[in-house]
Amino acid sequence: NDGIAEMGLIVYRWLSQINERHIYP
């Protein structure tokens, strides 16, 4: 709207050797 876009975002990292997940938010 008027050049402004709003979305949802999740980013994460998965470390398979230790089964650990880091996330934002």
PDB file of all heavy atoms in Angstrom:
ATOM      1  N   ASN A   1       0.857  -1.178   0.000  1.00  0.00           N
ATOM      2  CA  ASN A   1       0.000   0.000   0.000  1.00  0.00           C
ATOM      3  C   ASN A   1       0.895   1.230   0.000  1.00  0.00           C
ATOM      4  O   ASN A   1       1.704   1.433   0.922  1.00  0.00           O
ATOM      5  CB  ASN A   1      -0.899   0.020   1.249  1.00  0.00           C
ATOM      6  CG  ASN A   1      -1.886  -1.127   1.244  1.00  0.00           C
ATOM      7  OD1 ASN A   1      -2.556  -1.362   0.247  1.00  0.00           O
ATOM      8  ND2 ASN A   1      -1.960  -1.855   2.353  1.00  0.00           N
ATOM      9  N   ASP A   2       0.777   2.028  -1.077  1.00  0.00           N
ATOM     10  CA  ASP A   2       1.620   3.212  -1.237  1.00  0.00           C
ATOM     11  C   ASP A   2       3.090   2.858  -1.135  1.00  0.00           C
ATOM     12  O   ASP A   2       3.896   3.592  -0.525  1.00  0.00           O
ATOM     13  CB  ASP A   2       1.252   4.274  -0.182  1.00  0.00           C
ATOM     14  CG  ASP A   2      -0.183   4.747  -0.313  1.00  0.00           C
ATOM     15  OD1 ASP A   2      -0.661   4.854  -1.462  1.00  0.00           O
ATOM     16  OD2 ASP A   2      -0.826   4.985   0.725  1.00  0.00           O
ATOM     17  N   GLY A   3       3.458   1.699  -1.723  1.00  0.00           N
ATOM     18  CA  GLY A   3       4.855   1.296  -1.737  1.00  0.00           C
ATOM     19  C   GLY A   3       5.349   0.659  -0.457  1.00  0.00           C
ATOM     20  O   GLY A   3       6.538   0.351  -0.336  1.00  0.00           O
ATOM     21  N   ILE A   4       4.463   0.414   0.505  1.00  0.00           N
ATOM     22  CA  ILE A   4       4.853  -0.202   1.780  1.00  0.00           C
ATOM     23  C   ILE A   4       4.308  -1.623   1.819  1.00  0.00           C
ATOM     24  O   ILE A   4       3.109  -1.841   1.665  1.00  0.00           O
ATOM     25  CB  ILE A   4       4.320   0.602   2.980  1.00  0.00           C
ATOM     26  CG1 ILE A   4       4.890   2.022   2.960  1.00  0.00           C
ATOM     27  CG2 ILE A   4       4.671  -0.100   4.290  1.00  0.00           C
ATOM     28  CD1 ILE A   4       4.302   2.925   4.025  1.00  0.00           C
ATOM     29  N   ALA A   5       5.193  -2.596   2.003  1.00  0.00           N
ATOM     30  CA  ALA A   5       4.805  -4.005   2.074  1.00  0.00           C
ATOM     31  C   ALA A   5       5.069  -4.521   3.477  1.00  0.00           C
ATOM     32  O   ALA A   5       6.101  -4.232   4.075  1.00  0.00           O
ATOM     33  CB  ALA A   5       5.579  -4.831   1.066  1.00  0.00           C
ATOM     34  N   GLU A   6       4.117  -5.283   4.004  1.00  0.00           N
ATOM     35  CA  GLU A   6       4.272  -5.894   5.321  1.00  0.00           C
ATOM     36  C   GLU A   6       4.137  -7.407   5.174  1.00  0.00           C
ATOM     37  O   GLU A   6       3.176  -7.898   4.591  1.00  0.00           O
ATOM     38  CB  GLU A   6       3.237  -5.358   6.303  1.00  0.00           C
ATOM     39  CG  GLU A   6       3.471  -5.816   7.734  1.00  0.00           C
ATOM     40  CD  GLU A   6       2.669  -5.034   8.755  1.00  0.00           C
ATOM     41  OE1 GLU A   6       2.158  -3.950   8.404  1.00  0.00           O
ATOM     42  OE2 GLU A   6       2.557  -5.494   9.913  1.00  0.00           O
ATOM     43  N   MET A   7       5.112  -8.136   5.694  1.00  0.00           N
ATOM     44  CA  MET A   7       5.148  -9.588   5.610  1.00  0.00           C
ATOM     45  C   MET A   7       5.460 -10.172   6.978  1.00  0.00           C
ATOM     46  O   MET A   7       5.797  -9.452   7.917  1.00  0.00           O
ATOM     47  CB  MET A   7       6.238 -10.053   4.623  1.00  0.00           C
ATOM     48  CG  MET A   7       6.208  -9.441   3.257  1.00  0.00           C
ATOM     49  SD  MET A   7       7.555 -10.100   2.222  1.00  0.00           S
ATOM     50  CE  MET A   7       7.457  -8.978   0.826  1.00  0.00           C
ATOM     51  N   GLY A   8       5.376 -11.492   7.055  1.00  0.00           N
ATOM     52  CA  GLY A   8       5.832 -12.211   8.236  1.00  0.00           C
ATOM     53  C   GLY A   8       7.152 -12.900   7.932  1.00  0.00           C
ATOM     54  O   GLY A   8       7.382 -13.366   6.811  1.00  0.00           O
ATOM     55  N   LEU A   9       8.049 -12.993   8.922  1.00  0.00           N
ATOM     56  CA  LEU A   9       9.373 -13.568   8.707  1.00  0.00           C
ATOM     57  C   LEU A   9       9.794 -14.423   9.896  1.00  0.00           C
ATOM     58  O   LEU A   9       9.661 -14.016  11.056  1.00  0.00           O
ATOM     59  CB  LEU A   9      10.412 -12.458   8.503  1.00  0.00           C
ATOM     60  CG  LEU A   9      11.885 -12.905   8.477  1.00  0.00           C
ATOM     61  CD1 LEU A   9      12.164 -13.750   7.236  1.00  0.00           C
ATOM     62  CD2 LEU A   9      12.819 -11.707   8.546  1.00  0.00           C
ATOM     63  N   ILE A  10      10.314 -15.624   9.596  1.00  0.00           N
ATOM     64  CA  ILE A  10      10.990 -16.477  10.566  1.00  0.00           C
ATOM     65  C   ILE A  10      12.298 -16.926   9.923  1.00  0.00           C
ATOM     66  O   ILE A  10      12.318 -17.290   8.743  1.00  0.00           O
ATOM     67  CB  ILE A  10      10.151 -17.719  10.931  1.00  0.00           C
ATOM     68  CG1 ILE A  10       8.813 -17.324  11.562  1.00  0.00           C
ATOM     69  CG2 ILE A  10      10.912 -18.640  11.884  1.00  0.00           C
ATOM     70  CD1 ILE A  10       7.843 -18.496  11.743  1.00  0.00           C
ATOM     71  N   VAL A  11      13.382 -16.886  10.675  1.00  0.00           N
ATOM     72  CA  VAL A  11      14.640 -17.463  10.214  1.00  0.00           C
ATOM     73  C   VAL A  11      15.131 -18.428  11.288  1.00  0.00           C
ATOM     74  O   VAL A  11      14.932 -18.198  12.486  1.00  0.00           O
ATOM     75  CB  VAL A  11      15.713 -16.393   9.922  1.00  0.00           C
ATOM     76  CG1 VAL A  11      15.297 -15.525   8.746  1.00  0.00           C
ATOM     77  CG2 VAL A  11      15.991 -15.530  11.142  1.00  0.00           C
ATOM     78  N   TYR A  12      15.752 -19.516  10.856  1.00  0.00           N
ATOM     79  CA  TYR A  12      16.296 -20.443  11.846  1.00  0.00           C
ATOM     80  C   TYR A  12      17.502 -21.192  11.298  1.00  0.00           C
ATOM     81  O   TYR A  12      17.728 -21.267  10.088  1.00  0.00           O
ATOM     82  CB  TYR A  12      15.229 -21.405  12.364  1.00  0.00           C
ATOM     83  CG  TYR A  12      14.719 -22.440  11.391  1.00  0.00           C
ATOM     84  CD1 TYR A  12      15.423 -23.616  11.147  1.00  0.00           C
ATOM     85  CD2 TYR A  12      13.507 -22.259  10.724  1.00  0.00           C
ATOM     86  CE1 TYR A  12      14.944 -24.581  10.257  1.00  0.00           C
ATOM     87  CE2 TYR A  12      13.026 -23.215   9.839  1.00  0.00           C
ATOM     88  CZ  TYR A  12      13.751 -24.374   9.612  1.00  0.00           C
ATOM     89  OH  TYR A  12      13.287 -25.326   8.745  1.00  0.00           O
ATOM     90  N   ARG A  13      18.258 -21.732  12.210  1.00  0.00           N
ATOM     91  CA  ARG A  13      19.415 -22.575  11.903  1.00  0.00           C
ATOM     92  C   ARG A  13      19.229 -23.911  12.607  1.00  0.00           C
ATOM     93  O   ARG A  13      18.829 -23.954  13.779  1.00  0.00           O
ATOM     94  CB  ARG A  13      20.697 -21.906  12.401  1.00  0.00           C
ATOM     95  CG  ARG A  13      21.950 -22.779  12.249  1.00  0.00           C
ATOM     96  CD  ARG A  13      23.132 -22.187  12.978  1.00  0.00           C
ATOM     97  NE  ARG A  13      24.362 -22.940  12.715  1.00  0.00           N
ATOM     98  CZ  ARG A  13      25.543 -22.650  13.257  1.00  0.00           C
ATOM     99  NH1 ARG A  13      25.656 -21.619  14.092  1.00  0.00           N
ATOM    100  NH2 ARG A  13      26.605 -23.400  12.976  1.00  0.00           N
ATOM    101  N   TRP A  14      19.530 -24.994  11.888  1.00  0.00           N
ATOM    102  CA  TRP A  14      19.449 -26.335  12.459  1.00  0.00           C
ATOM    103  C   TRP A  14      20.835 -26.963  12.434  1.00  0.00           C
ATOM    104  O   TRP A  14      21.467 -27.053  11.379  1.00  0.00           O
ATOM    105  CB  TRP A  14      18.455 -27.182  11.676  1.00  0.00           C
ATOM    106  CG  TRP A  14      18.448 -28.653  12.013  1.00  0.00           C
ATOM    107  CD1 TRP A  14      18.850 -29.677  11.213  1.00  0.00           C
ATOM    108  CD2 TRP A  14      17.991 -29.258  13.219  1.00  0.00           C
ATOM    109  NE1 TRP A  14      18.679 -30.885  11.849  1.00  0.00           N
ATOM    110  CE2 TRP A  14      18.157 -30.655  13.091  1.00  0.00           C
ATOM    111  CE3 TRP A  14      17.466 -28.755  14.403  1.00  0.00           C
ATOM    112  CZ2 TRP A  14      17.811 -31.546  14.093  1.00  0.00           C
ATOM    113  CZ3 TRP A  14      17.125 -29.650  15.409  1.00  0.00           C
ATOM    114  CH2 TRP A  14      17.286 -31.031  15.251  1.00  0.00           C
ATOM    115  N   LEU A  15      21.319 -27.381  13.625  1.00  0.00           N
ATOM    116  CA  LEU A  15      22.601 -28.057  13.749  1.00  0.00           C
ATOM    117  C   LEU A  15      22.326 -29.536  13.955  1.00  0.00           C
ATOM    118  O   LEU A  15      21.945 -29.971  15.049  1.00  0.00           O
ATOM    119  CB  LEU A  15      23.413 -27.497  14.920  1.00  0.00           C
ATOM    120  CG  LEU A  15      23.801 -26.008  14.825  1.00  0.00           C
ATOM    121  CD1 LEU A  15      22.751 -25.132  15.503  1.00  0.00           C
ATOM    122  CD2 LEU A  15      25.156 -25.772  15.483  1.00  0.00           C
ATOM    123  N   SER A  16      22.500 -30.321  12.904  1.00  0.00           N
ATOM    124  CA  SER A  16      22.022 -31.698  12.931  1.00  0.00           C
ATOM    125  C   SER A  16      22.820 -32.587  13.876  1.00  0.00           C
ATOM    126  O   SER A  16      22.273 -33.535  14.446  1.00  0.00           O
ATOM    127  CB  SER A  16      22.047 -32.289  11.512  1.00  0.00           C
ATOM    128  OG  SER A  16      23.372 -32.387  11.026  1.00  0.00           O
ATOM    129  N   GLN A  17      24.114 -32.331  14.049  1.00  0.00           N
ATOM    130  CA  GLN A  17      24.930 -33.209  14.881  1.00  0.00           C
ATOM    131  C   GLN A  17      24.546 -33.142  16.359  1.00  0.00           C
ATOM    132  O   GLN A  17      24.707 -34.112  17.090  1.00  0.00           O
ATOM    133  CB  GLN A  17      26.408 -32.862  14.719  1.00  0.00           C
ATOM    134  CG  GLN A  17      26.982 -33.230  13.366  1.00  0.00           C
ATOM    135  CD  GLN A  17      27.009 -34.728  13.143  1.00  0.00           C
ATOM    136  OE1 GLN A  17      27.433 -35.488  13.999  1.00  0.00           O
ATOM    137  NE2 GLN A  17      26.532 -35.163  11.978  1.00  0.00           N
ATOM    138  N   ILE A  18      24.040 -31.997  16.785  1.00  0.00           N
ATOM    139  CA  ILE A  18      23.655 -31.851  18.197  1.00  0.00           C
ATOM    140  C   ILE A  18      22.161 -31.584  18.355  1.00  0.00           C
ATOM    141  O   ILE A  18      21.701 -31.297  19.468  1.00  0.00           O
ATOM    142  CB  ILE A  18      24.472 -30.728  18.873  1.00  0.00           C
ATOM    143  CG1 ILE A  18      24.310 -29.400  18.118  1.00  0.00           C
ATOM    144  CG2 ILE A  18      25.946 -31.124  18.966  1.00  0.00           C
ATOM    145  CD1 ILE A  18      25.022 -28.228  18.785  1.00  0.00           C
ATOM    146  N   ASN A  19      21.400 -31.641  17.235  1.00  0.00           N
ATOM    147  CA  ASN A  19      19.948 -31.481  17.281  1.00  0.00           C
ATOM    148  C   ASN A  19      19.534 -30.200  18.003  1.00  0.00           C
ATOM    149  O   ASN A  19      18.716 -30.202  18.915  1.00  0.00           O
ATOM    150  CB  ASN A  19      19.303 -32.699  17.953  1.00  0.00           C
ATOM    151  CG  ASN A  19      19.626 -33.985  17.229  1.00  0.00           C
ATOM    152  OD1 ASN A  19      19.149 -34.232  16.130  1.00  0.00           O
ATOM    153  ND2 ASN A  19      20.472 -34.812  17.851  1.00  0.00           N
ATOM    154  N   GLU A  20      20.131 -29.125  17.558  1.00  0.00           N
ATOM    155  CA  GLU A  20      19.878 -27.817  18.167  1.00  0.00           C
ATOM    156  C   GLU A  20      19.365 -26.856  17.106  1.00  0.00           C
ATOM    157  O   GLU A  20      19.857 -26.834  15.977  1.00  0.00           O
ATOM    158  CB  GLU A  20      21.166 -27.276  18.798  1.00  0.00           C
ATOM    159  CG  GLU A  20      20.989 -25.987  19.578  1.00  0.00           C
ATOM    160  CD  GLU A  20      22.264 -25.589  20.305  1.00  0.00           C
ATOM    161  OE1 GLU A  20      22.859 -26.452  21.005  1.00  0.00           O
ATOM    162  OE2 GLU A  20      22.681 -24.426  20.167  1.00  0.00           O
ATOM    163  N   ARG A  21      18.352 -26.078  17.462  1.00  0.00           N
ATOM    164  CA  ARG A  21      17.762 -25.125  16.520  1.00  0.00           C
ATOM    165  C   ARG A  21      17.796 -23.721  17.126  1.00  0.00           C
ATOM    166  O   ARG A  21      17.353 -23.515  18.253  1.00  0.00           O
ATOM    167  CB  ARG A  21      16.312 -25.506  16.195  1.00  0.00           C
ATOM    168  CG  ARG A  21      15.740 -24.771  14.979  1.00  0.00           C
ATOM    169  CD  ARG A  21      14.262 -25.113  14.749  1.00  0.00           C
ATOM    170  NE  ARG A  21      14.015 -26.537  14.728  1.00  0.00           N
ATOM    171  CZ  ARG A  21      14.069 -27.303  13.646  1.00  0.00           C
ATOM    172  NH1 ARG A  21      14.384 -26.768  12.490  1.00  0.00           N
ATOM    173  NH2 ARG A  21      13.814 -28.598  13.729  1.00  0.00           N
ATOM    174  N   HIS A  22      18.332 -22.761  16.348  1.00  0.00           N
ATOM    175  CA  HIS A  22      18.312 -21.349  16.722  1.00  0.00           C
ATOM    176  C   HIS A  22      17.256 -20.654  15.869  1.00  0.00           C
ATOM    177  O   HIS A  22      17.134 -20.963  14.671  1.00  0.00           O
ATOM    178  CB  HIS A  22      19.666 -20.694  16.483  1.00  0.00           C
ATOM    179  CG  HIS A  22      20.810 -21.388  17.141  1.00  0.00           C
ATOM    180  ND1 HIS A  22      22.126 -21.148  16.828  1.00  0.00           N
ATOM    181  CD2 HIS A  22      20.843 -22.342  18.122  1.00  0.00           C
ATOM    182  CE1 HIS A  22      22.916 -21.899  17.570  1.00  0.00           C
ATOM    183  NE2 HIS A  22      22.159 -22.638  18.360  1.00  0.00           N
ATOM    184  N   ILE A  23      16.529 -19.713  16.453  1.00  0.00           N
ATOM    185  CA  ILE A  23      15.380 -19.146  15.736  1.00  0.00           C
ATOM    186  C   ILE A  23      15.212 -17.669  16.036  1.00  0.00           C
ATOM    187  O   ILE A  23      15.632 -17.166  17.094  1.00  0.00           O
ATOM    188  CB  ILE A  23      14.082 -19.922  16.108  1.00  0.00           C
ATOM    189  CG1 ILE A  23      12.967 -19.669  15.100  1.00  0.00           C
ATOM    190  CG2 ILE A  23      13.638 -19.575  17.532  1.00  0.00           C
ATOM    191  CD1 ILE A  23      11.791 -20.617  15.241  1.00  0.00           C
ATOM    192  N   TYR A  24      14.650 -16.972  15.104  1.00  0.00           N
ATOM    193  CA  TYR A  24      14.150 -15.613  15.285  1.00  0.00           C
ATOM    194  C   TYR A  24      12.827 -15.525  14.535  1.00  0.00           C
ATOM    195  O   TYR A  24      12.733 -15.971  13.393  1.00  0.00           O
ATOM    196  CB  TYR A  24      15.118 -14.564  14.745  1.00  0.00           C
ATOM    197  CG  TYR A  24      14.549 -13.164  14.810  1.00  0.00           C
ATOM    198  CD1 TYR A  24      14.613 -12.429  15.983  1.00  0.00           C
ATOM    199  CD2 TYR A  24      13.896 -12.610  13.698  1.00  0.00           C
ATOM    200  CE1 TYR A  24      14.065 -11.149  16.042  1.00  0.00           C
ATOM    201  CE2 TYR A  24      13.345 -11.347  13.754  1.00  0.00           C
ATOM    202  CZ  TYR A  24      13.427 -10.627  14.925  1.00  0.00           C
ATOM    203  OH  TYR A  24      12.867  -9.380  15.006  1.00  0.00           O
ATOM    204  N   PRO A  25      11.787 -14.970  15.173  1.00  0.00           N
ATOM    205  CA  PRO A  25      11.725 -14.395  16.508  1.00  0.00           C
ATOM    206  C   PRO A  25      11.628 -15.469  17.590  1.00  0.00           C
ATOM    207  O   PRO A  25      11.696 -16.663  17.296  1.00  0.00           O
ATOM    208  CB  PRO A  25      10.442 -13.552  16.451  1.00  0.00           C
ATOM    209  CG  PRO A  25       9.569 -14.314  15.504  1.00  0.00           C
ATOM    210  CD  PRO A  25      10.493 -14.863  14.457  1.00  0.00           C
TER     211      PRO A  25
END
